[in-house]
Amino acid sequence: MSITLPGMLTVQTIQGRRGPFNVAKLATSIGIFEIKNPVLMQFAPGDYQGNFILEQIKVKAYEWAGGATSYIDAALDWAALEQFAHECGSGLEEKDYPDIAVSSFDTYPEDGIEIPQFAQTVQQVKAMIGNGQQEICLGEYMLSDRDALVTARNLMMEAGYRFQPHAHVWRLQ
């Protein structure tokens, strides 16, 4: 079941351990939700007013400096959000934002599809496995979505990858 709410999506680019990525806060009449998904990379930082389809709402928590913080996370209809990004004309262009252009595309398989250094989606993990990449690092979006992380872990383990905790990478054995 999903719910459509009018709201304000505030997108900002933050610098993570694995490079820059976009996060957002969605302010609606029922609350403020944290949003993390690779679809947000299509948005330039700023505020976007519109109707948003919430597909899932969940409470997330993390420990920090001896305490715990919890927040409300929302999973939106990503296809609708992607369409919204195109309608807003807010897709990131490398020429428009040269200082936040991600330089993580370093492998080009024969079919010409770019494989990122950090996998942000399960599809990118599959592509990296299919390409026989020796090391796979998971990006911020993948690490924040438990279901995607479990799926990616299972795919990598089935393909013969083992996690190297000190290097934070999965290596093909």
C-alpha atoms as a PDB file:
ATOM      1  CA  MET A   1       0.000   0.000   0.000  1.00  0.00           C
ATOM      2  CA  SER A   2       1.291   3.447  -0.823  1.00  0.00           C
ATOM      3  CA  ILE A   3       0.287   6.969   0.117  1.00  0.00           C
ATOM      4  CA  THR A   4       0.600  10.164  -1.930  1.00  0.00           C
ATOM      5  CA  LEU A   5       1.430  13.339  -0.041  1.00  0.00           C
ATOM      6  CA  PRO A   6       2.268  16.883  -1.078  1.00  0.00           C
ATOM      7  CA  GLY A   7       5.598  17.983   0.274  1.00  0.00           C
ATOM      8  CA  MET A   8       8.949  19.658  -0.103  1.00  0.00           C
ATOM      9  CA  LEU A   9      11.970  17.533  -1.052  1.00  0.00           C
ATOM     10  CA  THR A  10      15.214  19.180   0.063  1.00  0.00           C
ATOM     11  CA  VAL A  11      18.213  17.610  -1.687  1.00  0.00           C
ATOM     12  CA  GLN A  12      21.778  18.177  -0.567  1.00  0.00           C
ATOM     13  CA  THR A  13      25.122  16.709  -1.586  1.00  0.00           C
ATOM     14  CA  ILE A  14      27.269  15.380   1.220  1.00  0.00           C
ATOM     15  CA  GLN A  15      30.791  14.013   1.220  1.00  0.00           C
ATOM     16  CA  GLY A  16      30.880  10.401   2.406  1.00  0.00           C
ATOM     17  CA  ARG A  17      33.746   7.985   2.884  1.00  0.00           C
ATOM     18  CA  ARG A  18      33.096   6.750  -0.648  1.00  0.00           C
ATOM     19  CA  GLY A  19      32.770  10.133  -2.323  1.00  0.00           C
ATOM     20  CA  PRO A  20      29.969  12.666  -2.779  1.00  0.00           C
ATOM     21  CA  PHE A  21      26.350  11.513  -2.826  1.00  0.00           C
ATOM     22  CA  ASN A  22      22.920  13.093  -2.542  1.00  0.00           C
ATOM     23  CA  VAL A  23      20.533  12.709   0.370  1.00  0.00           C
ATOM     24  CA  ALA A  24      17.200  14.392   0.956  1.00  0.00           C
ATOM     25  CA  LYS A  25      14.631  15.289   3.547  1.00  0.00           C
ATOM     26  CA  LEU A  26      10.985  15.114   2.571  1.00  0.00           C
ATOM     27  CA  ALA A  27       8.812  17.493   4.618  1.00  0.00           C
ATOM     28  CA  THR A  28       5.123  16.568   4.496  1.00  0.00           C
ATOM     29  CA  SER A  29       2.037  17.274   6.595  1.00  0.00           C
ATOM     30  CA  ILE A  30       2.572  14.032   8.567  1.00  0.00           C
ATOM     31  CA  GLY A  31       6.296  14.445   9.266  1.00  0.00           C
ATOM     32  CA  ILE A  32       9.823  14.797   7.948  1.00  0.00           C
ATOM     33  CA  PHE A  33      11.448  11.755   6.343  1.00  0.00           C
ATOM     34  CA  GLU A  34      15.074  10.963   5.524  1.00  0.00           C
ATOM     35  CA  ILE A  35      15.596   9.793   1.918  1.00  0.00           C
ATOM     36  CA  LYS A  36      18.623   7.939   0.495  1.00  0.00           C
ATOM     37  CA  ASN A  37      18.634   6.411  -2.981  1.00  0.00           C
ATOM     38  CA  PRO A  38      20.789   6.624  -6.136  1.00  0.00           C
ATOM     39  CA  VAL A  39      17.836   8.278  -7.937  1.00  0.00           C
ATOM     40  CA  LEU A  40      18.654  11.409  -5.899  1.00  0.00           C
ATOM     41  CA  MET A  41      21.884  11.844  -7.917  1.00  0.00           C
ATOM     42  CA  GLN A  42      19.638  13.113 -10.731  1.00  0.00           C
ATOM     43  CA  PHE A  43      18.684  16.121  -8.623  1.00  0.00           C
ATOM     44  CA  ALA A  44      20.781  19.237  -8.191  1.00  0.00           C
ATOM     45  CA  PRO A  45      20.927  20.414  -4.561  1.00  0.00           C
ATOM     46  CA  GLY A  46      17.875  22.493  -3.706  1.00  0.00           C
ATOM     47  CA  ASP A  47      14.179  22.392  -2.786  1.00  0.00           C
ATOM     48  CA  TYR A  48      11.516  20.663  -4.913  1.00  0.00           C
ATOM     49  CA  GLN A  49       7.797  21.062  -4.276  1.00  0.00           C
ATOM     50  CA  GLY A  50       5.500  18.268  -5.468  1.00  0.00           C
ATOM     51  CA  ASN A  51       3.376  15.213  -4.719  1.00  0.00           C
ATOM     52  CA  PHE A  52       5.406  12.223  -3.522  1.00  0.00           C
ATOM     53  CA  ILE A  53       4.412   8.574  -3.288  1.00  0.00           C
ATOM     54  CA  LEU A  54       5.573   6.946  -0.049  1.00  0.00           C
ATOM     55  CA  GLU A  55       5.753   3.170  -0.379  1.00  0.00           C
ATOM     56  CA  GLN A  56       7.333   2.335   2.967  1.00  0.00           C
ATOM     57  CA  ILE A  57       8.001   4.158   6.226  1.00  0.00           C
ATOM     58  CA  LYS A  58      10.395   2.711   8.787  1.00  0.00           C
ATOM     59  CA  VAL A  59      12.312   3.781  11.865  1.00  0.00           C
ATOM     60  CA  LYS A  60      16.091   3.508  11.606  1.00  0.00           C
ATOM     61  CA  ALA A  61      18.675   3.996  14.321  1.00  0.00           C
ATOM     62  CA  TYR A  62      22.442   4.256  14.659  1.00  0.00           C
ATOM     63  CA  GLU A  63      24.878   4.636  17.518  1.00  0.00           C
ATOM     64  CA  TRP A  64      27.112   7.671  17.693  1.00  0.00           C
ATOM     65  CA  ALA A  65      29.424   8.991  20.429  1.00  0.00           C
ATOM     66  CA  GLY A  66      28.018   6.754  23.156  1.00  0.00           C
ATOM     67  CA  GLY A  67      24.377   7.476  22.359  1.00  0.00           C
ATOM     68  CA  ALA A  68      21.752   6.354  19.891  1.00  0.00           C
ATOM     69  CA  THR A  69      19.899   8.395  17.306  1.00  0.00           C
ATOM     70  CA  SER A  70      16.742   7.280  15.538  1.00  0.00           C
ATOM     71  CA  TYR A  71      14.980   8.784  12.561  1.00  0.00           C
ATOM     72  CA  ILE A  72      12.112   8.050  10.197  1.00  0.00           C
ATOM     73  CA  ASP A  73      13.157   6.758   6.781  1.00  0.00           C
ATOM     74  CA  ALA A  74      10.846   6.650   3.782  1.00  0.00           C
ATOM     75  CA  ALA A  75      11.061   4.604   0.621  1.00  0.00           C
ATOM     76  CA  LEU A  76       9.468   6.509  -2.223  1.00  0.00           C
ATOM     77  CA  ASP A  77       8.175   5.274  -5.554  1.00  0.00           C
ATOM     78  CA  TRP A  78      11.605   5.592  -7.207  1.00  0.00           C
ATOM     79  CA  ALA A  79      10.246   5.356 -10.767  1.00  0.00           C
ATOM     80  CA  ALA A  80       7.873   8.266 -10.061  1.00  0.00           C
ATOM     81  CA  LEU A  81      10.698  10.221  -8.389  1.00  0.00           C
ATOM     82  CA  GLU A  82      12.945   9.639 -11.389  1.00  0.00           C
ATOM     83  CA  GLN A  83      10.180  10.931 -13.675  1.00  0.00           C
ATOM     84  CA  PHE A  84       9.787  13.943 -11.351  1.00  0.00           C
ATOM     85  CA  ALA A  85      13.535  14.644 -11.715  1.00  0.00           C
ATOM     86  CA  HIS A  86      13.210  14.665 -15.499  1.00  0.00           C
ATOM     87  CA  GLU A  87      10.154  16.927 -15.356  1.00  0.00           C
ATOM     88  CA  CYS A  88      12.045  19.367 -13.128  1.00  0.00           C
ATOM     89  CA  GLY A  89      14.958  19.316 -15.546  1.00  0.00           C
ATOM     90  CA  SER A  90      17.216  18.785 -12.569  1.00  0.00           C
ATOM     91  CA  GLY A  91      19.424  15.962 -13.798  1.00  0.00           C
ATOM     92  CA  LEU A  92      23.045  16.477 -12.800  1.00  0.00           C
ATOM     93  CA  GLU A  93      25.237  17.241 -15.753  1.00  0.00           C
ATOM     94  CA  GLU A  94      28.983  16.942 -15.393  1.00  0.00           C
ATOM     95  CA  LYS A  95      29.461  20.291 -17.102  1.00  0.00           C
ATOM     96  CA  ASP A  96      27.078  21.977 -14.616  1.00  0.00           C
ATOM     97  CA  TYR A  97      28.683  20.508 -11.470  1.00  0.00           C
ATOM     98  CA  PRO A  98      32.330  19.741 -12.225  1.00  0.00           C
ATOM     99  CA  ASP A  99      33.442  19.721  -8.561  1.00  0.00           C
ATOM    100  CA  ILE A 100      30.965  16.999  -7.564  1.00  0.00           C
ATOM    101  CA  ALA A 101      31.388  14.865 -10.664  1.00  0.00           C
ATOM    102  CA  VAL A 102      31.981  11.331  -9.453  1.00  0.00           C
ATOM    103  CA  SER A 103      35.241   9.916 -10.743  1.00  0.00           C
ATOM    104  CA  SER A 104      34.280   6.383  -9.701  1.00  0.00           C
ATOM    105  CA  PHE A 105      33.701   5.108 -13.250  1.00  0.00           C
ATOM    106  CA  ASP A 106      36.906   3.353 -14.093  1.00  0.00           C
ATOM    107  CA  THR A 107      36.007   0.061 -15.787  1.00  0.00           C
ATOM    108  CA  TYR A 108      34.521  -0.302 -19.257  1.00  0.00           C
ATOM    109  CA  PRO A 109      33.424  -3.815 -20.238  1.00  0.00           C
ATOM    110  CA  GLU A 110      33.068  -4.816 -23.893  1.00  0.00           C
ATOM    111  CA  ASP A 111      29.403  -3.807 -24.079  1.00  0.00           C
ATOM    112  CA  GLY A 112      30.386  -0.211 -23.194  1.00  0.00           C
ATOM    113  CA  ILE A 113      28.458   0.010 -19.921  1.00  0.00           C
ATOM    114  CA  GLU A 114      30.393   1.908 -17.277  1.00  0.00           C
ATOM    115  CA  ILE A 115      30.969  -0.023 -14.046  1.00  0.00           C
ATOM    116  CA  PRO A 116      31.342   2.237 -10.977  1.00  0.00           C
ATOM    117  CA  GLN A 117      34.088   1.710  -8.427  1.00  0.00           C
ATOM    118  CA  PHE A 118      31.455   1.655  -5.647  1.00  0.00           C
ATOM    119  CA  ALA A 119      28.288  -0.343  -6.291  1.00  0.00           C
ATOM    120  CA  GLN A 120      25.249   1.753  -5.392  1.00  0.00           C
ATOM    121  CA  THR A 121      22.586  -0.780  -6.487  1.00  0.00           C
ATOM    122  CA  VAL A 122      22.123  -4.544  -6.665  1.00  0.00           C
ATOM    123  CA  GLN A 123      22.164  -4.235 -10.476  1.00  0.00           C
ATOM    124  CA  GLN A 124      25.622  -2.653 -10.316  1.00  0.00           C
ATOM    125  CA  VAL A 125      26.839  -5.507  -8.072  1.00  0.00           C
ATOM    126  CA  LYS A 126      25.515  -8.006 -10.640  1.00  0.00           C
ATOM    127  CA  ALA A 127      27.310  -6.133 -13.430  1.00  0.00           C
ATOM    128  CA  MET A 128      30.574  -6.095 -11.466  1.00  0.00           C
ATOM    129  CA  ILE A 129      30.290  -9.843 -10.792  1.00  0.00           C
ATOM    130  CA  GLY A 130      29.468 -10.474 -14.453  1.00  0.00           C
ATOM    131  CA  ASN A 131      32.499  -8.432 -15.459  1.00  0.00           C
ATOM    132  CA  GLY A 132      34.720 -10.563 -13.199  1.00  0.00           C
ATOM    133  CA  GLN A 133      35.867  -7.554 -11.207  1.00  0.00           C
ATOM    134  CA  GLN A 134      38.409  -8.676  -8.579  1.00  0.00           C
ATOM    135  CA  GLU A 135      37.225  -6.258  -5.873  1.00  0.00           C
ATOM    136  CA  ILE A 136      33.767  -4.846  -5.168  1.00  0.00           C
ATOM    137  CA  CYS A 137      33.155  -1.952  -2.775  1.00  0.00           C
ATOM    138  CA  LEU A 138      29.645  -1.056  -1.712  1.00  0.00           C
ATOM    139  CA  GLY A 139      28.553   2.577  -1.834  1.00  0.00           C
ATOM    140  CA  GLU A 140      26.637   4.645   0.697  1.00  0.00           C
ATOM    141  CA  TYR A 141      23.202   3.936  -0.793  1.00  0.00           C
ATOM    142  CA  MET A 142      23.782   0.174  -0.713  1.00  0.00           C
ATOM    143  CA  LEU A 143      25.003   0.286   2.885  1.00  0.00           C
ATOM    144  CA  SER A 144      21.923   2.200   4.033  1.00  0.00           C
ATOM    145  CA  ASP A 145      19.399  -0.277   2.563  1.00  0.00           C
ATOM    146  CA  ARG A 146      19.479  -3.519   4.546  1.00  0.00           C
ATOM    147  CA  ASP A 147      17.448  -5.541   2.012  1.00  0.00           C
ATOM    148  CA  ALA A 148      19.697  -4.489  -0.883  1.00  0.00           C
ATOM    149  CA  LEU A 149      22.792  -5.151   1.225  1.00  0.00           C
ATOM    150  CA  VAL A 150      21.670  -8.705   2.071  1.00  0.00           C
ATOM    151  CA  THR A 151      20.827  -9.397  -1.585  1.00  0.00           C
ATOM    152  CA  ALA A 152      24.208  -8.067  -2.742  1.00  0.00           C
ATOM    153  CA  ARG A 153      26.050 -10.042  -0.049  1.00  0.00           C
ATOM    154  CA  ASN A 154      24.319 -13.262  -1.097  1.00  0.00           C
ATOM    155  CA  LEU A 155      25.120 -12.633  -4.784  1.00  0.00           C
ATOM    156  CA  MET A 156      28.785 -11.962  -4.018  1.00  0.00           C
ATOM    157  CA  MET A 157      29.134 -14.997  -1.758  1.00  0.00           C
ATOM    158  CA  GLU A 158      27.531 -17.261  -4.390  1.00  0.00           C
ATOM    159  CA  ALA A 159      29.972 -15.898  -6.983  1.00  0.00           C
ATOM    160  CA  GLY A 160      32.983 -16.691  -4.779  1.00  0.00           C
ATOM    161  CA  TYR A 161      33.682 -13.292  -3.219  1.00  0.00           C
ATOM    162  CA  ARG A 162      34.757 -13.004   0.424  1.00  0.00           C
ATOM    163  CA  PHE A 163      34.557  -9.893   2.578  1.00  0.00           C
ATOM    164  CA  GLN A 164      37.878  -8.361   3.664  1.00  0.00           C
ATOM    165  CA  PRO A 165      36.941  -6.326   6.756  1.00  0.00           C
ATOM    166  CA  HIS A 166      40.177  -4.344   7.059  1.00  0.00           C
ATOM    167  CA  ALA A 167      39.979  -3.125   3.461  1.00  0.00           C
ATOM    168  CA  HIS A 168      36.138  -2.837   3.415  1.00  0.00           C
ATOM    169  CA  VAL A 169      35.969  -4.685   0.077  1.00  0.00           C
ATOM    170  CA  TRP A 170      34.692  -7.967  -1.294  1.00  0.00           C
ATOM    171  CA  ARG A 171      37.474  -9.882  -3.103  1.00  0.00           C
ATOM    172  CA  LEU A 172      37.100 -12.692  -5.600  1.00  0.00           C
ATOM    173  CA  GLN A 173      38.750 -15.819  -4.157  1.00  0.00           C
END
